[in-house]
C-alpha atoms as a PDB file:
ATOM      1  CA  UNK A   1    -134.381 -18.728 -68.493  1.00  0.00           C
ATOM      2  CA  UNK A   2    -138.461 -19.233 -69.533  1.00  0.00           C
ATOM      3  CA  UNK A   3    -138.272 -23.628 -67.980  1.00  0.00           C
ATOM      4  CA  UNK A   4    -135.505 -22.676 -65.357  1.00  0.00           C
ATOM      5  CA  UNK A   5    -138.241 -19.516 -63.911  1.00  0.00           C
ATOM      6  CA  UNK A   6    -140.966 -21.813 -64.194  1.00  0.00           C
ATOM      7  CA  UNK A   7    -142.812 -20.274 -66.967  1.00  0.00           C
ATOM      8  CA  UNK A   8    -144.954 -21.639 -69.694  1.00  0.00           C
ATOM      9  CA  UNK A   9    -144.463 -20.091 -72.759  1.00  0.00           C
ATOM     10  CA  UNK A  10    -144.726 -21.047 -76.641  1.00  0.00           C
ATOM     11  CA  UNK A  11    -141.931 -21.737 -78.174  1.00  0.00           C
ATOM     12  CA  UNK A  12    -142.618 -21.679 -82.129  1.00  0.00           C
ATOM     13  CA  UNK A  13    -139.442 -22.964 -84.661  1.00  0.00           C
ATOM     14  CA  UNK A  14    -139.961 -23.899 -87.946  1.00  0.00           C
ATOM     15  CA  UNK A  15    -137.558 -24.252 -91.252  1.00  0.00           C
ATOM     16  CA  UNK A  16    -134.796 -22.138 -92.784  1.00  0.00           C
ATOM     17  CA  UNK A  17    -136.771 -22.463 -95.867  1.00  0.00           C
ATOM     18  CA  UNK A  18    -140.016 -21.373 -94.305  1.00  0.00           C
ATOM     19  CA  UNK A  19    -138.465 -18.451 -92.981  1.00  0.00           C
ATOM     20  CA  UNK A  20    -138.701 -16.609 -96.198  1.00  0.00           C
ATOM     21  CA  UNK A  21    -142.418 -16.815 -97.037  1.00  0.00           C
ATOM     22  CA  UNK A  22    -142.847 -15.587 -93.145  1.00  0.00           C
ATOM     23  CA  UNK A  23    -140.763 -12.747 -93.380  1.00  0.00           C
ATOM     24  CA  UNK A  24    -142.918 -11.064 -95.721  1.00  0.00           C
ATOM     25  CA  UNK A  25    -146.278 -11.524 -92.288  1.00  0.00           C
ATOM     26  CA  UNK A  26    -146.078  -9.745 -89.852  1.00  0.00           C
ATOM     27  CA  UNK A  27    -144.742  -9.784 -86.789  1.00  0.00           C
ATOM     28  CA  UNK A  28    -141.864 -10.921 -88.753  1.00  0.00           C
ATOM     29  CA  UNK A  29    -141.950  -7.952 -91.725  1.00  0.00           C
ATOM     30  CA  UNK A  30    -141.940  -5.411 -89.165  1.00  0.00           C
ATOM     31  CA  UNK A  31    -138.475  -6.059 -88.054  1.00  0.00           C
ATOM     32  CA  UNK A  32    -137.175  -8.483 -90.416  1.00  0.00           C
ATOM     33  CA  UNK A  33    -134.809 -10.937 -87.654  1.00  0.00           C
ATOM     34  CA  UNK A  34    -135.696 -14.046 -85.989  1.00  0.00           C
ATOM     35  CA  UNK A  35    -135.949 -14.700 -82.830  1.00  0.00           C
ATOM     36  CA  UNK A  36    -138.375 -11.918 -81.922  1.00  0.00           C
ATOM     37  CA  UNK A  37    -140.644 -12.493 -78.984  1.00  0.00           C
ATOM     38  CA  UNK A  38    -143.908 -12.249 -77.890  1.00  0.00           C
ATOM     39  CA  UNK A  39    -145.137 -11.077 -73.769  1.00  0.00           C
ATOM     40  CA  UNK A  40    -148.426  -9.439 -73.366  1.00  0.00           C
ATOM     41  CA  UNK A  41    -148.741  -8.349 -76.945  1.00  0.00           C
ATOM     42  CA  UNK A  42    -145.177  -6.261 -76.945  1.00  0.00           C
ATOM     43  CA  UNK A  43    -142.905  -8.167 -79.588  1.00  0.00           C
ATOM     44  CA  UNK A  44    -139.024  -7.706 -79.181  1.00  0.00           C
ATOM     45  CA  UNK A  45    -136.451  -8.223 -80.948  1.00  0.00           C
ATOM     46  CA  UNK A  46    -132.166  -8.797 -81.144  1.00  0.00           C
ATOM     47  CA  UNK A  47    -131.114 -12.124 -79.057  1.00  0.00           C
ATOM     48  CA  UNK A  48    -128.888 -10.520 -76.267  1.00  0.00           C
ATOM     49  CA  UNK A  49    -131.759  -7.746 -75.815  1.00  0.00           C
ATOM     50  CA  UNK A  50    -134.319 -10.546 -75.309  1.00  0.00           C
ATOM     51  CA  UNK A  51    -132.493 -12.535 -73.211  1.00  0.00           C
ATOM     52  CA  UNK A  52    -131.313  -9.365 -70.744  1.00  0.00           C
ATOM     53  CA  UNK A  53    -134.677  -8.706 -70.909  1.00  0.00           C
ATOM     54  CA  UNK A  54    -135.948 -12.349 -69.572  1.00  0.00           C
ATOM     55  CA  UNK A  55    -133.093 -11.717 -67.224  1.00  0.00           C
ATOM     56  CA  UNK A  56    -134.045  -9.129 -65.560  1.00  0.00           C
ATOM     57  CA  UNK A  57    -137.999 -10.185 -65.225  1.00  0.00           C
ATOM     58  CA  UNK A  58    -136.955 -13.784 -63.538  1.00  0.00           C
ATOM     59  CA  UNK A  59    -134.204 -12.242 -61.399  1.00  0.00           C
ATOM     60  CA  UNK A  60    -131.343 -13.692 -63.215  1.00  0.00           C
ATOM     61  CA  UNK A  61    -129.760 -10.813 -63.749  1.00  0.00           C
ATOM     62  CA  UNK A  62    -127.115  -9.424 -60.599  1.00  0.00           C
ATOM     63  CA  UNK A  63    -127.931  -6.133 -59.104  1.00  0.00           C
ATOM     64  CA  UNK A  64    -125.116  -4.397 -58.707  1.00  0.00           C
ATOM     65  CA  UNK A  65    -124.132  -2.262 -61.749  1.00  0.00           C
ATOM     66  CA  UNK A  66    -120.142  -3.613 -62.448  1.00  0.00           C
ATOM     67  CA  UNK A  67    -121.795  -7.068 -62.169  1.00  0.00           C
ATOM     68  CA  UNK A  68    -124.452  -5.849 -65.000  1.00  0.00           C
ATOM     69  CA  UNK A  69    -121.682  -4.545 -66.315  1.00  0.00           C
ATOM     70  CA  UNK A  70    -119.431  -7.834 -66.770  1.00  0.00           C
ATOM     71  CA  UNK A  71    -122.435 -10.078 -68.123  1.00  0.00           C
ATOM     72  CA  UNK A  72    -122.867  -7.127 -70.952  1.00  0.00           C
ATOM     73  CA  UNK A  73    -119.684  -7.581 -72.155  1.00  0.00           C
ATOM     74  CA  UNK A  74    -119.591 -11.444 -72.037  1.00  0.00           C
ATOM     75  CA  UNK A  75    -123.361 -11.128 -73.674  1.00  0.00           C
ATOM     76  CA  UNK A  76    -121.645  -8.240 -76.514  1.00  0.00           C
ATOM     77  CA  UNK A  77    -118.343 -10.808 -76.857  1.00  0.00           C
ATOM     78  CA  UNK A  78    -120.894 -13.557 -77.799  1.00  0.00           C
ATOM     79  CA  UNK A  79    -123.041 -11.337 -80.209  1.00  0.00           C
ATOM     80  CA  UNK A  80    -119.515 -10.382 -81.536  1.00  0.00           C
ATOM     81  CA  UNK A  81    -118.668 -13.908 -82.329  1.00  0.00           C
ATOM     82  CA  UNK A  82    -122.157 -14.344 -84.262  1.00  0.00           C
ATOM     83  CA  UNK A  83    -121.611 -11.132 -86.667  1.00  0.00           C
ATOM     84  CA  UNK A  84    -118.093 -12.635 -87.303  1.00  0.00           C
ATOM     85  CA  UNK A  85    -119.200 -16.119 -87.703  1.00  0.00           C
ATOM     86  CA  UNK A  86    -121.843 -15.143 -90.231  1.00  0.00           C
ATOM     87  CA  UNK A  87    -120.100 -12.942 -92.371  1.00  0.00           C
ATOM     88  CA  UNK A  88    -117.013 -15.199 -92.176  1.00  0.00           C
ATOM     89  CA  UNK A  89    -120.162 -18.358 -93.635  1.00  0.00           C
ATOM     90  CA  UNK A  90    -122.294 -16.209 -95.951  1.00  0.00           C
ATOM     91  CA  UNK A  91    -120.429 -12.908 -96.976  1.00  0.00           C
ATOM     92  CA  UNK A  92    -116.320 -13.820 -97.275  1.00  0.00           C
ATOM     93  CA  UNK A  93    -115.686 -15.918-100.378  1.00  0.00           C
ATOM     94  CA  UNK A  94    -112.574 -17.630-100.943  1.00  0.00           C
ATOM     95  CA  UNK A  95    -109.111 -16.569 -98.913  1.00  0.00           C
ATOM     96  CA  UNK A  96    -111.634 -13.535 -96.872  1.00  0.00           C
ATOM     97  CA  UNK A  97    -113.810 -16.489 -96.283  1.00  0.00           C
ATOM     98  CA  UNK A  98    -110.650 -18.617 -95.026  1.00  0.00           C
ATOM     99  CA  UNK A  99    -108.676 -16.381 -93.273  1.00  0.00           C
ATOM    100  CA  UNK A 100    -111.706 -15.105 -91.148  1.00  0.00           C
ATOM    101  CA  UNK A 101    -112.773 -18.534 -89.994  1.00  0.00           C
ATOM    102  CA  UNK A 102    -109.321 -19.215 -89.098  1.00  0.00           C
ATOM    103  CA  UNK A 103    -109.238 -15.482 -87.311  1.00  0.00           C
ATOM    104  CA  UNK A 104    -112.060 -17.146 -84.664  1.00  0.00           C
ATOM    105  CA  UNK A 105    -110.547 -20.419 -84.332  1.00  0.00           C
ATOM    106  CA  UNK A 106    -108.046 -18.406 -83.395  1.00  0.00           C
ATOM    107  CA  UNK A 107    -109.196 -16.130 -81.166  1.00  0.00           C
ATOM    108  CA  UNK A 108    -107.766 -12.831 -83.078  1.00  0.00           C
ATOM    109  CA  UNK A 109    -111.950 -11.000 -83.613  1.00  0.00           C
ATOM    110  CA  UNK A 110    -111.852  -8.129 -84.419  1.00  0.00           C
END
């Protein structure tokens, strides 16, 4: 959205292994998660909240409440799928993992 809105920004990326040393430093330590967005000294976390913030700030979010609900429903569904995907690949083991992956593929996420 920043690119589309022609907003200058610094995109800082790092390897997975670097996260273990970075997460003990501010601002990562405060939030404990990535990605983070910093605008005018304010640091924000949570991917969907950041996306909605940027959408609202730069005119990509709908004006009427019914359309906002539709957008929020889609983003919440995506969040849920991302959570289930992470759960399937990082937490679950064996048959539970296989079942979770199968459920994701078949759209049976609960």
